């Protein structure tokens, strides 16, 4: 779950001095969530599923010490119980996509984790992968579109969305 401090960081690009001093804010202690309703309150994905595990994290990811500027905010989600008809209606191919180095989350299904981990220079070539397609979500509060991709495997679906990147406004909300 994203804390108010994380939202502040996303929206303003700087951590308040008090948060730096206490070590609070967006830390690796931000565990993955299983609450689809919480995800839907933050980002509209329009993916019908019976369950999900998801996490929003920054890059570079804070691992202790003095925090560096966060260049990217990324949403990674793995949905389960996605209907076959929803997956089958995707027919737009996707080419090469950039993923952040922290993308292969430990909690992902091994095949999805491998797909993200095997990206040479953080670029995945999905042109020949018929199970992967572009996907657009929307920040719930502002309606701003966020882009990425989905990859299906059976009734499971990997979602990768870039919420903030250096070329964007830096506003999460």
N, C-alpha and C. Protein backbone atom coordinates (compact mmCIF):
# COMPACT_ATOMS: atom_id res chain seq x y z
N UNK A 1 0.84 -1.17 0.00
CA UNK A 1 0.00 0.00 0.00
C UNK A 1 0.88 1.23 0.00
N UNK A 2 0.55 2.21 -0.80
CA UNK A 2 1.35 3.42 -0.89
C UNK A 2 0.96 4.35 0.25
N UNK A 3 1.95 4.79 1.00
CA UNK A 3 1.68 5.68 2.12
C UNK A 3 1.54 7.11 1.64
N UNK A 4 1.06 7.99 2.53
CA UNK A 4 0.97 9.40 2.21
C UNK A 4 2.35 9.94 1.85
N UNK A 5 3.39 9.49 2.56
CA UNK A 5 4.75 9.94 2.26
C UNK A 5 5.14 9.54 0.84
N UNK A 6 4.76 8.33 0.41
CA UNK A 6 5.07 7.91 -0.96
C UNK A 6 4.34 8.79 -1.95
N UNK A 7 3.07 9.10 -1.68
CA UNK A 7 2.34 9.97 -2.59
C UNK A 7 2.99 11.34 -2.65
N UNK A 8 3.46 11.83 -1.51
CA UNK A 8 4.14 13.12 -1.50
C UNK A 8 5.41 13.04 -2.36
N UNK A 9 6.16 11.97 -2.18
CA UNK A 9 7.38 11.80 -2.96
C UNK A 9 7.06 11.75 -4.45
N UNK A 10 6.04 11.00 -4.80
CA UNK A 10 5.67 10.89 -6.21
C UNK A 10 5.21 12.22 -6.76
N UNK A 11 4.44 12.95 -6.00
CA UNK A 11 3.88 14.19 -6.50
C UNK A 11 4.84 15.35 -6.49
N UNK A 12 5.80 15.36 -5.62
CA UNK A 12 6.67 16.53 -5.49
C UNK A 12 8.12 16.26 -5.87
N UNK A 13 8.52 14.98 -5.91
CA UNK A 13 9.87 14.65 -6.30
C UNK A 13 10.91 14.79 -5.19
N UNK A 14 10.52 15.21 -4.00
CA UNK A 14 11.46 15.38 -2.90
C UNK A 14 10.87 14.83 -1.62
N UNK A 15 11.70 14.22 -0.81
CA UNK A 15 11.25 13.80 0.51
C UNK A 15 11.43 14.95 1.48
N UNK A 16 10.47 15.20 2.35
CA UNK A 16 10.67 16.22 3.37
C UNK A 16 11.85 15.84 4.26
N UNK A 17 12.54 16.84 4.78
CA UNK A 17 13.71 16.61 5.61
C UNK A 17 13.40 15.70 6.80
N UNK A 18 12.22 15.84 7.38
CA UNK A 18 11.86 15.00 8.53
C UNK A 18 11.81 13.53 8.14
N UNK A 19 11.33 13.22 6.93
CA UNK A 19 11.27 11.83 6.50
C UNK A 19 12.67 11.29 6.25
N UNK A 20 13.55 12.13 5.72
CA UNK A 20 14.93 11.68 5.50
C UNK A 20 15.59 11.35 6.83
N UNK A 21 15.35 12.19 7.82
CA UNK A 21 15.99 11.99 9.12
C UNK A 21 15.49 10.73 9.82
N UNK A 22 14.21 10.39 9.64
CA UNK A 22 13.66 9.24 10.33
C UNK A 22 13.73 7.96 9.52
N UNK A 23 14.03 8.08 8.22
CA UNK A 23 14.08 6.91 7.36
C UNK A 23 12.70 6.46 6.93
N UNK A 24 11.66 7.25 7.22
CA UNK A 24 10.30 6.89 6.82
C UNK A 24 10.11 7.20 5.35
N UNK A 25 8.99 6.81 4.84
CA UNK A 25 8.67 7.13 3.45
C UNK A 25 8.61 5.87 2.62
N UNK A 26 9.06 5.94 1.38
CA UNK A 26 9.00 4.81 0.45
C UNK A 26 10.26 3.98 0.61
N UNK A 27 10.17 2.92 1.34
CA UNK A 27 11.32 2.07 1.61
C UNK A 27 11.05 0.68 1.08
N UNK A 28 12.05 -0.19 1.08
CA UNK A 28 11.82 -1.56 0.64
C UNK A 28 10.87 -2.31 1.58
N UNK A 29 10.47 -1.69 2.70
CA UNK A 29 9.51 -2.30 3.60
C UNK A 29 8.10 -2.27 3.01
N UNK A 30 7.95 -1.72 1.82
CA UNK A 30 6.67 -1.63 1.14
C UNK A 30 6.37 -3.00 0.52
N UNK A 31 5.69 -3.88 1.26
CA UNK A 31 5.47 -5.23 0.76
C UNK A 31 4.43 -5.26 -0.35
N UNK A 32 4.41 -6.33 -1.15
CA UNK A 32 3.37 -6.45 -2.15
C UNK A 32 2.00 -6.56 -1.49
N UNK A 33 0.99 -6.12 -2.19
CA UNK A 33 -0.38 -6.17 -1.68
C UNK A 33 -1.18 -7.22 -2.45
N UNK A 34 -2.21 -7.73 -1.80
CA UNK A 34 -3.12 -8.68 -2.45
C UNK A 34 -4.52 -8.08 -2.56
N UNK A 35 -4.65 -6.80 -2.28
CA UNK A 35 -5.95 -6.14 -2.25
C UNK A 35 -6.24 -5.46 -3.59
N UNK A 36 -7.05 -6.12 -4.42
CA UNK A 36 -7.41 -5.57 -5.74
C UNK A 36 -8.12 -4.24 -5.58
N UNK A 37 -8.95 -4.11 -4.57
CA UNK A 37 -9.71 -2.87 -4.39
C UNK A 37 -8.78 -1.69 -4.10
N UNK A 38 -7.68 -1.93 -3.41
CA UNK A 38 -6.70 -0.86 -3.14
C UNK A 38 -5.99 -0.47 -4.44
N UNK A 39 -5.64 -1.44 -5.24
CA UNK A 39 -5.03 -1.14 -6.54
C UNK A 39 -5.99 -0.31 -7.38
N UNK A 40 -7.26 -0.70 -7.41
CA UNK A 40 -8.25 0.01 -8.21
C UNK A 40 -8.48 1.44 -7.71
N UNK A 41 -8.25 1.69 -6.43
CA UNK A 41 -8.37 3.07 -5.92
C UNK A 41 -7.25 3.97 -6.42
N UNK A 42 -6.15 3.37 -6.84
CA UNK A 42 -4.99 4.15 -7.29
C UNK A 42 -4.85 4.18 -8.80
N UNK A 43 -4.99 3.02 -9.44
CA UNK A 43 -4.80 2.91 -10.89
C UNK A 43 -5.91 2.05 -11.47
N UNK A 44 -6.56 2.57 -12.50
CA UNK A 44 -7.58 1.81 -13.20
C UNK A 44 -6.89 0.93 -14.24
N UNK A 45 -7.07 -0.38 -14.13
CA UNK A 45 -6.43 -1.29 -15.08
C UNK A 45 -7.44 -1.98 -15.99
N UNK A 46 -8.70 -2.07 -15.55
CA UNK A 46 -9.77 -2.74 -16.30
C UNK A 46 -9.45 -4.20 -16.61
N UNK A 47 -8.75 -4.86 -15.70
CA UNK A 47 -8.43 -6.28 -15.87
C UNK A 47 -9.33 -7.08 -14.94
N UNK A 48 -10.22 -7.90 -15.50
CA UNK A 48 -11.09 -8.72 -14.65
C UNK A 48 -10.29 -9.90 -14.09
N UNK A 49 -10.22 -10.01 -12.79
CA UNK A 49 -9.45 -11.09 -12.17
C UNK A 49 -10.07 -11.44 -10.83
N UNK A 50 -9.80 -12.66 -10.38
CA UNK A 50 -10.31 -13.07 -9.08
C UNK A 50 -9.32 -12.76 -7.96
N UNK A 51 -8.03 -12.58 -8.31
CA UNK A 51 -7.02 -12.29 -7.30
C UNK A 51 -5.85 -11.57 -7.96
N UNK A 52 -5.06 -10.87 -7.14
CA UNK A 52 -3.89 -10.18 -7.66
C UNK A 52 -2.87 -9.98 -6.56
N UNK A 53 -1.63 -9.90 -6.97
CA UNK A 53 -0.54 -9.45 -6.12
C UNK A 53 0.09 -8.30 -6.88
N UNK A 54 0.35 -7.19 -6.19
CA UNK A 54 0.86 -6.02 -6.88
C UNK A 54 1.74 -5.18 -5.97
N UNK A 55 2.56 -4.34 -6.61
CA UNK A 55 3.46 -3.49 -5.85
C UNK A 55 3.83 -2.28 -6.71
N UNK A 56 3.90 -1.12 -6.08
CA UNK A 56 4.39 0.09 -6.71
C UNK A 56 5.73 0.40 -6.05
N UNK A 57 6.76 0.65 -6.86
CA UNK A 57 8.09 0.89 -6.33
C UNK A 57 8.83 1.92 -7.18
N UNK A 58 9.82 2.52 -6.58
CA UNK A 58 10.63 3.52 -7.27
C UNK A 58 11.94 2.95 -7.76
N UNK A 59 12.52 3.62 -8.76
CA UNK A 59 13.83 3.27 -9.29
C UNK A 59 14.67 4.53 -9.35
N UNK A 60 15.84 4.56 -8.78
CA UNK A 60 16.43 3.44 -8.05
C UNK A 60 15.68 3.18 -6.75
N UNK A 61 15.62 1.91 -6.40
CA UNK A 61 14.89 1.51 -5.20
C UNK A 61 15.75 1.80 -3.98
N UNK A 62 15.16 2.41 -2.97
CA UNK A 62 15.88 2.78 -1.76
C UNK A 62 16.23 1.53 -0.96
N UNK A 63 17.50 1.32 -0.69
CA UNK A 63 17.93 0.14 0.06
C UNK A 63 18.71 0.52 1.31
N UNK A 64 18.62 1.77 1.71
CA UNK A 64 19.31 2.24 2.90
C UNK A 64 20.31 3.33 2.55
N UNK A 65 20.82 4.00 3.56
CA UNK A 65 21.77 5.08 3.32
C UNK A 65 21.05 6.35 2.91
N UNK A 66 21.74 7.19 2.18
CA UNK A 66 21.16 8.44 1.72
C UNK A 66 20.32 8.16 0.48
N UNK A 67 19.04 8.56 0.48
CA UNK A 67 18.20 8.28 -0.68
C UNK A 67 18.66 9.08 -1.90
N UNK A 68 18.61 8.43 -3.04
CA UNK A 68 18.91 9.09 -4.32
C UNK A 68 17.60 9.55 -4.94
N UNK A 69 17.65 10.42 -5.92
CA UNK A 69 16.42 10.81 -6.59
C UNK A 69 15.77 9.59 -7.25
N UNK A 70 14.46 9.56 -7.22
CA UNK A 70 13.72 8.47 -7.84
C UNK A 70 13.35 8.89 -9.25
N UNK A 71 13.82 8.13 -10.24
CA UNK A 71 13.58 8.47 -11.64
C UNK A 71 12.28 7.89 -12.17
N UNK A 72 11.95 6.68 -11.75
CA UNK A 72 10.76 5.99 -12.25
C UNK A 72 9.92 5.50 -11.08
N UNK A 73 8.61 5.47 -11.28
CA UNK A 73 7.68 4.77 -10.39
C UNK A 73 6.97 3.76 -11.26
N UNK A 74 6.99 2.51 -10.83
CA UNK A 74 6.49 1.41 -11.64
C UNK A 74 5.47 0.60 -10.85
N UNK A 75 4.45 0.14 -11.55
CA UNK A 75 3.48 -0.80 -10.99
C UNK A 75 3.72 -2.15 -11.66
N UNK A 76 3.93 -3.17 -10.84
CA UNK A 76 4.01 -4.55 -11.30
C UNK A 76 2.86 -5.28 -10.61
N UNK A 77 2.09 -6.01 -11.39
CA UNK A 77 0.99 -6.79 -10.81
C UNK A 77 0.91 -8.14 -11.51
N UNK A 78 0.53 -9.14 -10.75
CA UNK A 78 0.23 -10.45 -11.32
C UNK A 78 -1.20 -10.78 -10.95
N UNK A 79 -2.04 -10.88 -11.96
CA UNK A 79 -3.45 -11.19 -11.77
C UNK A 79 -3.67 -12.67 -11.99
N UNK A 80 -4.59 -13.25 -11.21
CA UNK A 80 -4.96 -14.66 -11.35
C UNK A 80 -6.46 -14.74 -11.61
N UNK A 81 -6.85 -15.76 -12.33
CA UNK A 81 -8.26 -15.95 -12.63
C UNK A 81 -8.77 -15.00 -13.70
N UNK A 82 -7.91 -14.60 -14.62
CA UNK A 82 -8.34 -13.72 -15.73
C UNK A 82 -9.04 -14.58 -16.77
N UNK A 83 -10.26 -14.20 -17.16
CA UNK A 83 -11.00 -15.01 -18.13
C UNK A 83 -10.28 -15.12 -19.48
N UNK A 84 -10.36 -16.30 -20.08
CA UNK A 84 -9.70 -16.54 -21.38
C UNK A 84 -10.23 -15.60 -22.45
N UNK A 85 -11.54 -15.26 -22.41
CA UNK A 85 -12.09 -14.35 -23.43
C UNK A 85 -11.46 -12.98 -23.35
N UNK A 86 -11.09 -12.52 -22.14
CA UNK A 86 -10.48 -11.19 -21.99
C UNK A 86 -9.06 -11.21 -22.55
N UNK A 87 -8.33 -12.27 -22.26
CA UNK A 87 -6.96 -12.40 -22.77
C UNK A 87 -6.98 -12.54 -24.29
N UNK A 88 -7.91 -13.31 -24.83
CA UNK A 88 -7.97 -13.56 -26.28
C UNK A 88 -8.32 -12.32 -27.09
N UNK A 89 -8.98 -11.34 -26.51
CA UNK A 89 -9.38 -10.17 -27.29
C UNK A 89 -8.22 -9.21 -27.55
N UNK A 90 -7.07 -9.48 -26.97
CA UNK A 90 -5.88 -8.66 -27.20
C UNK A 90 -5.21 -9.12 -28.48
N UNK A 91 -5.07 -8.23 -29.44
CA UNK A 91 -4.45 -8.65 -30.70
C UNK A 91 -3.41 -7.67 -31.23
N UNK A 92 -3.18 -6.58 -30.52
CA UNK A 92 -2.19 -5.61 -30.96
C UNK A 92 -0.81 -6.09 -30.51
N UNK A 93 0.12 -6.30 -31.44
CA UNK A 93 1.45 -6.76 -31.03
C UNK A 93 2.25 -5.64 -30.37
N UNK A 94 3.26 -6.03 -29.68
CA UNK A 94 4.14 -5.08 -29.03
C UNK A 94 5.57 -5.41 -29.45
N UNK A 95 6.44 -4.46 -29.45
CA UNK A 95 7.83 -4.67 -29.86
C UNK A 95 8.76 -4.71 -28.67
N UNK A 96 9.75 -3.84 -28.70
CA UNK A 96 10.74 -3.78 -27.63
C UNK A 96 10.26 -2.82 -26.55
N UNK A 97 10.39 -3.24 -25.30
CA UNK A 97 9.97 -2.39 -24.17
C UNK A 97 11.10 -2.32 -23.15
N UNK A 98 11.22 -1.17 -22.53
CA UNK A 98 12.20 -0.96 -21.47
C UNK A 98 11.54 -1.30 -20.14
N UNK A 99 12.27 -2.03 -19.30
CA UNK A 99 11.81 -2.32 -17.95
C UNK A 99 12.89 -1.86 -16.97
N UNK A 100 12.48 -1.46 -15.79
CA UNK A 100 13.44 -1.02 -14.78
C UNK A 100 14.17 -2.24 -14.20
N UNK A 101 15.40 -2.05 -13.72
CA UNK A 101 16.18 -3.19 -13.21
C UNK A 101 15.51 -3.92 -12.05
N UNK A 102 14.69 -3.22 -11.27
CA UNK A 102 14.05 -3.84 -10.10
C UNK A 102 12.78 -4.60 -10.46
N UNK A 103 12.42 -4.67 -11.73
CA UNK A 103 11.15 -5.26 -12.16
C UNK A 103 10.95 -6.73 -11.77
N UNK A 104 11.96 -7.58 -11.84
CA UNK A 104 11.71 -8.98 -11.49
C UNK A 104 11.52 -9.18 -9.99
N UNK A 105 10.32 -8.87 -9.51
CA UNK A 105 10.01 -8.96 -8.08
C UNK A 105 10.07 -10.42 -7.63
N UNK A 106 10.53 -10.65 -6.41
CA UNK A 106 10.70 -12.00 -5.87
C UNK A 106 9.39 -12.77 -5.80
N UNK A 107 8.27 -12.08 -5.63
CA UNK A 107 6.98 -12.74 -5.45
C UNK A 107 6.30 -13.14 -6.77
N UNK A 108 6.86 -12.75 -7.90
CA UNK A 108 6.26 -13.10 -9.20
C UNK A 108 6.40 -14.60 -9.48
N UNK A 109 5.47 -15.13 -10.28
CA UNK A 109 5.57 -16.49 -10.79
C UNK A 109 6.91 -16.61 -11.51
N UNK A 110 7.62 -17.75 -11.37
CA UNK A 110 8.96 -17.87 -11.97
C UNK A 110 9.04 -17.48 -13.45
N UNK A 111 8.06 -17.85 -14.27
CA UNK A 111 8.14 -17.49 -15.70
C UNK A 111 8.05 -15.99 -15.92
N UNK A 112 7.20 -15.30 -15.18
CA UNK A 112 7.11 -13.84 -15.31
C UNK A 112 8.38 -13.17 -14.78
N UNK A 113 8.88 -13.67 -13.67
CA UNK A 113 10.12 -13.12 -13.11
C UNK A 113 11.27 -13.30 -14.09
N UNK A 114 11.35 -14.47 -14.72
CA UNK A 114 12.41 -14.75 -15.71
C UNK A 114 12.28 -13.83 -16.92
N UNK A 115 11.06 -13.61 -17.39
CA UNK A 115 10.84 -12.71 -18.53
C UNK A 115 11.43 -11.33 -18.24
N UNK A 116 11.19 -10.81 -17.05
CA UNK A 116 11.69 -9.49 -16.68
C UNK A 116 13.19 -9.50 -16.36
N UNK A 117 13.67 -10.59 -15.78
CA UNK A 117 15.08 -10.67 -15.39
C UNK A 117 16.01 -10.88 -16.58
N UNK A 118 15.52 -11.52 -17.63
CA UNK A 118 16.36 -11.83 -18.79
C UNK A 118 16.43 -10.69 -19.80
N UNK A 119 16.10 -9.50 -19.39
CA UNK A 119 16.09 -8.35 -20.30
C UNK A 119 17.50 -7.77 -20.42
N UNK A 120 18.21 -8.04 -21.55
CA UNK A 120 19.54 -7.46 -21.70
C UNK A 120 19.45 -5.93 -21.78
N UNK A 121 20.24 -5.26 -20.97
CA UNK A 121 20.23 -3.79 -20.90
C UNK A 121 18.83 -3.26 -20.58
N UNK A 122 18.06 -4.05 -19.83
CA UNK A 122 16.71 -3.68 -19.38
C UNK A 122 15.72 -3.48 -20.53
N UNK A 123 15.93 -4.17 -21.65
CA UNK A 123 15.01 -4.10 -22.79
C UNK A 123 14.55 -5.51 -23.11
N UNK A 124 13.23 -5.68 -23.20
CA UNK A 124 12.64 -6.97 -23.56
C UNK A 124 12.10 -6.85 -24.98
N UNK A 125 12.42 -7.81 -25.83
CA UNK A 125 11.89 -7.83 -27.18
C UNK A 125 10.68 -8.76 -27.19
N UNK A 126 9.48 -8.18 -27.25
CA UNK A 126 8.24 -8.95 -27.19
C UNK A 126 7.56 -9.08 -28.55
N UNK A 127 8.24 -8.72 -29.63
CA UNK A 127 7.63 -8.72 -30.96
C UNK A 127 7.11 -10.10 -31.35
N UNK A 128 7.79 -11.16 -30.97
CA UNK A 128 7.36 -12.50 -31.35
C UNK A 128 6.57 -13.20 -30.25
N UNK A 129 6.29 -12.51 -29.17
CA UNK A 129 5.55 -13.10 -28.06
C UNK A 129 4.07 -12.76 -28.21
N UNK A 130 3.30 -13.70 -28.69
CA UNK A 130 1.88 -13.46 -28.96
C UNK A 130 1.04 -13.33 -27.70
N UNK A 131 1.64 -13.61 -26.55
CA UNK A 131 0.92 -13.49 -25.29
C UNK A 131 1.13 -12.14 -24.62
N UNK A 132 1.92 -11.26 -25.24
CA UNK A 132 2.21 -9.95 -24.67
C UNK A 132 1.67 -8.84 -25.56
N UNK A 133 1.06 -7.85 -24.94
CA UNK A 133 0.42 -6.76 -25.69
C UNK A 133 0.56 -5.46 -24.93
N UNK A 134 0.47 -4.33 -25.64
CA UNK A 134 0.49 -3.04 -24.94
C UNK A 134 -0.74 -2.91 -24.05
N UNK A 135 -0.60 -2.14 -22.98
CA UNK A 135 -1.74 -1.92 -22.09
C UNK A 135 -1.65 -0.51 -21.52
N UNK A 136 -2.79 0.13 -21.40
CA UNK A 136 -2.87 1.46 -20.82
C UNK A 136 -3.77 1.41 -19.60
N UNK A 137 -3.31 2.00 -18.52
CA UNK A 137 -4.11 2.18 -17.32
C UNK A 137 -4.28 3.67 -17.10
N UNK A 138 -4.99 4.03 -16.04
CA UNK A 138 -5.23 5.45 -15.76
C UNK A 138 -5.08 5.70 -14.27
N UNK A 139 -4.35 6.76 -13.94
CA UNK A 139 -4.24 7.17 -12.55
C UNK A 139 -5.64 7.58 -12.12
N UNK A 140 -6.13 6.99 -11.08
CA UNK A 140 -7.52 7.19 -10.65
C UNK A 140 -7.82 8.66 -10.36
N UNK A 141 -6.97 9.33 -9.61
CA UNK A 141 -7.26 10.68 -9.16
C UNK A 141 -7.27 11.70 -10.31
N UNK A 142 -6.33 11.61 -11.23
CA UNK A 142 -6.21 12.61 -12.30
C UNK A 142 -6.76 12.15 -13.64
N UNK A 143 -6.87 10.83 -13.83
CA UNK A 143 -7.29 10.31 -15.13
C UNK A 143 -6.15 10.25 -16.14
N UNK A 144 -4.92 10.58 -15.70
CA UNK A 144 -3.77 10.57 -16.61
C UNK A 144 -3.48 9.14 -17.06
N UNK A 145 -3.30 8.93 -18.38
CA UNK A 145 -2.96 7.58 -18.85
C UNK A 145 -1.53 7.20 -18.49
N UNK A 146 -1.33 5.93 -18.19
CA UNK A 146 -0.02 5.36 -17.93
C UNK A 146 0.12 4.12 -18.80
N UNK A 147 1.28 3.94 -19.39
CA UNK A 147 1.45 2.92 -20.41
C UNK A 147 2.41 1.82 -19.97
N UNK A 148 2.21 0.67 -20.57
CA UNK A 148 3.07 -0.47 -20.29
C UNK A 148 2.63 -1.65 -21.13
N UNK A 149 2.65 -2.83 -20.52
CA UNK A 149 2.28 -4.03 -21.26
C UNK A 149 1.70 -5.08 -20.32
N UNK A 150 1.05 -6.06 -20.94
CA UNK A 150 0.57 -7.24 -20.24
C UNK A 150 1.12 -8.46 -20.94
N UNK A 151 1.34 -9.54 -20.20
CA UNK A 151 1.73 -10.83 -20.75
C UNK A 151 0.88 -11.88 -20.06
N UNK A 152 0.31 -12.77 -20.85
CA UNK A 152 -0.58 -13.80 -20.31
C UNK A 152 0.12 -15.15 -20.30
N UNK A 153 -0.25 -15.95 -19.32
CA UNK A 153 0.17 -17.34 -19.24
C UNK A 153 -0.94 -18.10 -18.53
N UNK A 154 -1.71 -18.85 -19.30
CA UNK A 154 -2.88 -19.52 -18.74
C UNK A 154 -3.87 -18.47 -18.28
N UNK A 155 -4.33 -18.59 -17.02
CA UNK A 155 -5.27 -17.60 -16.49
C UNK A 155 -4.55 -16.53 -15.67
N UNK A 156 -3.23 -16.48 -15.80
CA UNK A 156 -2.43 -15.46 -15.09
C UNK A 156 -2.00 -14.37 -16.06
N UNK A 157 -1.88 -13.18 -15.51
CA UNK A 157 -1.53 -12.04 -16.33
C UNK A 157 -0.53 -11.17 -15.59
N UNK A 158 0.57 -10.86 -16.25
CA UNK A 158 1.56 -9.93 -15.72
C UNK A 158 1.22 -8.55 -16.26
N UNK A 159 1.17 -7.56 -15.39
CA UNK A 159 0.95 -6.17 -15.78
C UNK A 159 2.17 -5.36 -15.38
N UNK A 160 2.69 -4.60 -16.32
CA UNK A 160 3.82 -3.69 -16.08
C UNK A 160 3.38 -2.31 -16.57
N UNK A 161 3.29 -1.34 -15.66
CA UNK A 161 2.93 0.03 -16.04
C UNK A 161 3.95 1.01 -15.47
N UNK A 162 4.39 1.93 -16.29
CA UNK A 162 5.27 3.01 -15.84
C UNK A 162 4.37 4.15 -15.39
N UNK A 163 4.37 4.42 -14.09
CA UNK A 163 3.51 5.47 -13.54
C UNK A 163 4.14 6.85 -13.69
N UNK A 164 5.44 6.93 -13.45
CA UNK A 164 6.18 8.18 -13.62
C UNK A 164 7.54 7.83 -14.23
N UNK A 165 7.94 8.60 -15.23
CA UNK A 165 9.27 8.46 -15.82
C UNK A 165 9.88 9.85 -15.96
N UNK A 166 11.18 9.94 -16.19
CA UNK A 166 11.83 11.25 -16.23
C UNK A 166 11.18 12.25 -17.20
N UNK A 167 10.57 11.78 -18.26
CA UNK A 167 9.97 12.70 -19.23
C UNK A 167 8.55 13.15 -18.83
N UNK A 168 7.99 12.53 -17.78
CA UNK A 168 6.63 12.91 -17.38
C UNK A 168 6.69 14.11 -16.43
N UNK A 169 5.54 14.55 -16.01
CA UNK A 169 5.45 15.74 -15.14
C UNK A 169 5.95 15.48 -13.73
N UNK A 170 6.07 14.21 -13.35
CA UNK A 170 6.46 13.90 -11.98
C UNK A 170 5.31 13.89 -11.03
N UNK A 171 4.11 14.10 -11.53
CA UNK A 171 2.92 14.10 -10.69
C UNK A 171 2.26 12.74 -10.76
N UNK A 172 2.14 12.08 -9.64
CA UNK A 172 1.49 10.77 -9.60
C UNK A 172 -0.02 10.92 -9.60
N UNK A 173 -0.53 11.85 -8.80
CA UNK A 173 -1.99 11.99 -8.64
C UNK A 173 -2.66 12.52 -9.86
